[in-house]
């Protein structure tokens, strides 16, 4: 029974890490809240429930959950610790994109400001063209 208790504690730790409560987890895995509560409190449960949990929370490492060995999240250590030039380049590219968007936002804010000034001065409400009837009258004169 102790194995179920430690497994339940590790599953509860995972849920806390993911910011999931008992009821939210129950909805996600289509179980009742009491079933999830029983698992996290170390009560005996069926393999079908663990199968559903592991197939739903695919980042939860089964080796960690059952044995307490390794990282809780699959691939967590390699993602954080290992140098990754593709990831690093992606981060730089995303930062460049954010900088570009900030510049564009600033330009658009300035343009809006200029348009508001023009509207206040009635620069955009003057007629550019005359009616064709008025033009004909002017031609005849």
C-alpha atoms as a PDB file:
ATOM      1  CA  UNK A   1       0.000   0.000   0.000  1.00  0.00           C
ATOM      2  CA  UNK A   2       2.905   2.357   0.610  1.00  0.00           C
ATOM      3  CA  UNK A   3       3.673   2.312  -3.116  1.00  0.00           C
ATOM      4  CA  UNK A   4       0.200   3.676  -3.842  1.00  0.00           C
ATOM      5  CA  UNK A   5       0.704   6.444  -1.279  1.00  0.00           C
ATOM      6  CA  UNK A   6       3.983   7.605  -2.813  1.00  0.00           C
ATOM      7  CA  UNK A   7       2.534   7.306  -6.327  1.00  0.00           C
ATOM      8  CA  UNK A   8      -0.427   9.396  -5.211  1.00  0.00           C
ATOM      9  CA  UNK A   9       1.899  11.979  -3.661  1.00  0.00           C
ATOM     10  CA  UNK A  10       3.899  12.200  -6.894  1.00  0.00           C
ATOM     11  CA  UNK A  11       0.706  12.576  -8.941  1.00  0.00           C
ATOM     12  CA  UNK A  12      -0.511  15.301  -6.559  1.00  0.00           C
ATOM     13  CA  UNK A  13       2.854  17.054  -6.975  1.00  0.00           C
ATOM     14  CA  UNK A  14       2.438  16.896 -10.764  1.00  0.00           C
ATOM     15  CA  UNK A  15      -1.067  18.339 -10.566  1.00  0.00           C
ATOM     16  CA  UNK A  16       0.173  21.172  -8.362  1.00  0.00           C
ATOM     17  CA  UNK A  17       3.040  21.834 -10.824  1.00  0.00           C
ATOM     18  CA  UNK A  18       0.500  22.043 -13.669  1.00  0.00           C
ATOM     19  CA  UNK A  19      -1.857  24.205 -11.611  1.00  0.00           C
ATOM     20  CA  UNK A  20      -4.652  21.634 -11.751  1.00  0.00           C
ATOM     21  CA  UNK A  21      -7.128  20.941  -8.977  1.00  0.00           C
ATOM     22  CA  UNK A  22      -8.972  17.704  -8.344  1.00  0.00           C
ATOM     23  CA  UNK A  23     -12.163  18.723 -10.163  1.00  0.00           C
ATOM     24  CA  UNK A  24     -10.379  20.243 -13.171  1.00  0.00           C
ATOM     25  CA  UNK A  25      -8.262  17.088 -13.475  1.00  0.00           C
ATOM     26  CA  UNK A  26     -11.375  14.926 -13.179  1.00  0.00           C
ATOM     27  CA  UNK A  27     -12.997  16.788 -16.079  1.00  0.00           C
ATOM     28  CA  UNK A  28      -9.876  16.474 -18.214  1.00  0.00           C
ATOM     29  CA  UNK A  29      -9.601  12.696 -17.741  1.00  0.00           C
ATOM     30  CA  UNK A  30     -13.380  12.070 -17.627  1.00  0.00           C
ATOM     31  CA  UNK A  31     -13.340  10.643 -14.107  1.00  0.00           C
ATOM     32  CA  UNK A  32     -15.042  11.730 -10.935  1.00  0.00           C
ATOM     33  CA  UNK A  33     -13.403  14.066  -8.462  1.00  0.00           C
ATOM     34  CA  UNK A  34     -13.497  11.335  -5.824  1.00  0.00           C
ATOM     35  CA  UNK A  35     -11.578   8.964  -8.118  1.00  0.00           C
ATOM     36  CA  UNK A  36      -8.805  11.547  -8.605  1.00  0.00           C
ATOM     37  CA  UNK A  37      -8.836  12.316  -4.886  1.00  0.00           C
ATOM     38  CA  UNK A  38      -8.470   8.607  -4.119  1.00  0.00           C
ATOM     39  CA  UNK A  39      -5.450   8.375  -6.424  1.00  0.00           C
ATOM     40  CA  UNK A  40      -3.735  11.454  -4.946  1.00  0.00           C
ATOM     41  CA  UNK A  41      -4.380  10.233  -1.398  1.00  0.00           C
ATOM     42  CA  UNK A  42      -2.796   6.849  -2.124  1.00  0.00           C
ATOM     43  CA  UNK A  43      -5.852   4.614  -2.227  1.00  0.00           C
ATOM     44  CA  UNK A  44      -5.879   1.550  -4.471  1.00  0.00           C
ATOM     45  CA  UNK A  45      -7.025   2.195  -8.052  1.00  0.00           C
ATOM     46  CA  UNK A  46      -7.231   0.267 -11.288  1.00  0.00           C
ATOM     47  CA  UNK A  47      -4.635   0.161 -14.027  1.00  0.00           C
ATOM     48  CA  UNK A  48      -7.268   1.522 -16.435  1.00  0.00           C
ATOM     49  CA  UNK A  49      -7.270   4.805 -14.532  1.00  0.00           C
ATOM     50  CA  UNK A  50      -3.483   5.092 -14.661  1.00  0.00           C
ATOM     51  CA  UNK A  51      -3.571   4.252 -18.373  1.00  0.00           C
ATOM     52  CA  UNK A  52      -5.986   7.147 -18.939  1.00  0.00           C
ATOM     53  CA  UNK A  53      -3.879   9.506 -16.815  1.00  0.00           C
ATOM     54  CA  UNK A  54      -0.619   8.690 -18.583  1.00  0.00           C
ATOM     55  CA  UNK A  55      -2.220   8.963 -22.020  1.00  0.00           C
ATOM     56  CA  UNK A  56      -3.829  12.281 -21.127  1.00  0.00           C
ATOM     57  CA  UNK A  57      -0.878  13.933 -19.399  1.00  0.00           C
ATOM     58  CA  UNK A  58       1.730  12.935 -21.954  1.00  0.00           C
ATOM     59  CA  UNK A  59       4.457  15.067 -20.372  1.00  0.00           C
ATOM     60  CA  UNK A  60       4.210  13.121 -17.080  1.00  0.00           C
ATOM     61  CA  UNK A  61       7.043  10.603 -16.924  1.00  0.00           C
ATOM     62  CA  UNK A  62       5.687   7.154 -15.982  1.00  0.00           C
ATOM     63  CA  UNK A  63       9.054   6.147 -14.523  1.00  0.00           C
ATOM     64  CA  UNK A  64       8.878   9.129 -12.170  1.00  0.00           C
ATOM     65  CA  UNK A  65       5.243   8.455 -11.312  1.00  0.00           C
ATOM     66  CA  UNK A  66       5.634   4.726 -10.548  1.00  0.00           C
ATOM     67  CA  UNK A  67       9.187   4.535  -9.222  1.00  0.00           C
ATOM     68  CA  UNK A  68      10.090   8.094  -8.252  1.00  0.00           C
ATOM     69  CA  UNK A  69      13.096   7.966 -10.593  1.00  0.00           C
ATOM     70  CA  UNK A  70      14.097  10.620 -13.113  1.00  0.00           C
ATOM     71  CA  UNK A  71      12.422  13.899 -13.919  1.00  0.00           C
ATOM     72  CA  UNK A  72       8.713  14.489 -13.361  1.00  0.00           C
ATOM     73  CA  UNK A  73       8.294  16.078 -16.794  1.00  0.00           C
ATOM     74  CA  UNK A  74       9.487  14.145 -19.840  1.00  0.00           C
ATOM     75  CA  UNK A  75      12.527  15.804 -21.367  1.00  0.00           C
ATOM     76  CA  UNK A  76      12.631  18.570 -18.758  1.00  0.00           C
ATOM     77  CA  UNK A  77      16.330  18.212 -17.895  1.00  0.00           C
ATOM     78  CA  UNK A  78      17.476  18.128 -21.511  1.00  0.00           C
ATOM     79  CA  UNK A  79      15.361  21.129 -22.461  1.00  0.00           C
ATOM     80  CA  UNK A  80      16.675  23.339 -19.693  1.00  0.00           C
ATOM     81  CA  UNK A  81      20.292  22.233 -19.379  1.00  0.00           C
ATOM     82  CA  UNK A  82      21.487  21.187 -22.815  1.00  0.00           C
ATOM     83  CA  UNK A  83      22.781  23.788 -25.262  1.00  0.00           C
ATOM     84  CA  UNK A  84      20.459  23.996 -28.194  1.00  0.00           C
ATOM     85  CA  UNK A  85      21.495  26.277 -31.076  1.00  0.00           C
ATOM     86  CA  UNK A  86      18.133  25.939 -32.833  1.00  0.00           C
ATOM     87  CA  UNK A  87      16.251  26.972 -29.693  1.00  0.00           C
ATOM     88  CA  UNK A  88      18.707  29.825 -29.096  1.00  0.00           C
ATOM     89  CA  UNK A  89      18.312  31.100 -32.677  1.00  0.00           C
ATOM     90  CA  UNK A  90      14.542  30.835 -32.375  1.00  0.00           C
ATOM     91  CA  UNK A  91      14.643  32.954 -29.218  1.00  0.00           C
ATOM     92  CA  UNK A  92      16.784  35.595 -30.960  1.00  0.00           C
ATOM     93  CA  UNK A  93      14.456  35.618 -33.976  1.00  0.00           C
ATOM     94  CA  UNK A  94      11.394  35.968 -31.768  1.00  0.00           C
ATOM     95  CA  UNK A  95      13.021  38.869 -29.923  1.00  0.00           C
ATOM     96  CA  UNK A  96      13.804  40.559 -33.246  1.00  0.00           C
ATOM     97  CA  UNK A  97      10.186  40.101 -34.283  1.00  0.00           C
ATOM     98  CA  UNK A  98       8.979  41.613 -31.016  1.00  0.00           C
ATOM     99  CA  UNK A  99      11.321  44.577 -31.473  1.00  0.00           C
ATOM    100  CA  UNK A 100      10.034  45.090 -35.033  1.00  0.00           C
ATOM    101  CA  UNK A 101       6.436  44.955 -33.844  1.00  0.00           C
ATOM    102  CA  UNK A 102       7.179  47.512 -31.123  1.00  0.00           C
ATOM    103  CA  UNK A 103       8.657  49.836 -33.757  1.00  0.00           C
ATOM    104  CA  UNK A 104       5.596  49.420 -35.983  1.00  0.00           C
ATOM    105  CA  UNK A 105       3.277  50.069 -33.043  1.00  0.00           C
ATOM    106  CA  UNK A 106       5.174  53.282 -32.259  1.00  0.00           C
ATOM    107  CA  UNK A 107       4.915  54.397 -35.899  1.00  0.00           C
ATOM    108  CA  UNK A 108       1.181  53.677 -35.956  1.00  0.00           C
ATOM    109  CA  UNK A 109       0.637  55.562 -32.694  1.00  0.00           C
ATOM    110  CA  UNK A 110       2.456  58.556 -34.170  1.00  0.00           C
ATOM    111  CA  UNK A 111       0.374  58.334 -37.336  1.00  0.00           C
ATOM    112  CA  UNK A 112      -2.839  58.202 -35.287  1.00  0.00           C
ATOM    113  CA  UNK A 113      -1.684  61.231 -33.329  1.00  0.00           C
ATOM    114  CA  UNK A 114      -1.010  63.158 -36.558  1.00  0.00           C
ATOM    115  CA  UNK A 115      -4.402  62.178 -37.952  1.00  0.00           C
ATOM    116  CA  UNK A 116      -6.110  63.370 -34.772  1.00  0.00           C
ATOM    117  CA  UNK A 117      -4.272  66.705 -35.018  1.00  0.00           C
ATOM    118  CA  UNK A 118      -5.371  67.063 -38.631  1.00  0.00           C
ATOM    119  CA  UNK A 119      -8.945  66.288 -37.735  1.00  0.00           C
ATOM    120  CA  UNK A 120      -8.895  68.899 -34.974  1.00  0.00           C
ATOM    121  CA  UNK A 121      -7.664  71.475 -37.508  1.00  0.00           C
ATOM    122  CA  UNK A 122     -10.282  70.385 -40.067  1.00  0.00           C
ATOM    123  CA  UNK A 123      -7.595  69.514 -42.592  1.00  0.00           C
ATOM    124  CA  UNK A 124      -9.384  66.377 -43.678  1.00  0.00           C
ATOM    125  CA  UNK A 125     -12.869  67.829 -43.977  1.00  0.00           C
ATOM    126  CA  UNK A 126     -12.193  70.180 -46.914  1.00  0.00           C
ATOM    127  CA  UNK A 127     -13.498  69.232 -50.334  1.00  0.00           C
ATOM    128  CA  UNK A 128     -10.912  68.182 -52.815  1.00  0.00           C
ATOM    129  CA  UNK A 129     -13.141  68.060 -55.918  1.00  0.00           C
ATOM    130  CA  UNK A 130     -16.051  70.131 -57.085  1.00  0.00           C
ATOM    131  CA  UNK A 131     -19.337  68.857 -58.345  1.00  0.00           C
ATOM    132  CA  UNK A 132     -19.485  68.380 -62.095  1.00  0.00           C
ATOM    133  CA  UNK A 133     -22.351  70.922 -62.320  1.00  0.00           C
ATOM    134  CA  UNK A 134     -20.187  73.573 -60.644  1.00  0.00           C
ATOM    135  CA  UNK A 135     -17.326  72.810 -63.025  1.00  0.00           C
ATOM    136  CA  UNK A 136     -19.608  73.205 -66.046  1.00  0.00           C
ATOM    137  CA  UNK A 137     -20.850  76.537 -64.723  1.00  0.00           C
ATOM    138  CA  UNK A 138     -17.251  77.753 -64.283  1.00  0.00           C
ATOM    139  CA  UNK A 139     -16.319  76.650 -67.812  1.00  0.00           C
ATOM    140  CA  UNK A 140     -19.164  78.669 -69.292  1.00  0.00           C
ATOM    141  CA  UNK A 141     -18.145  81.841 -67.483  1.00  0.00           C
END
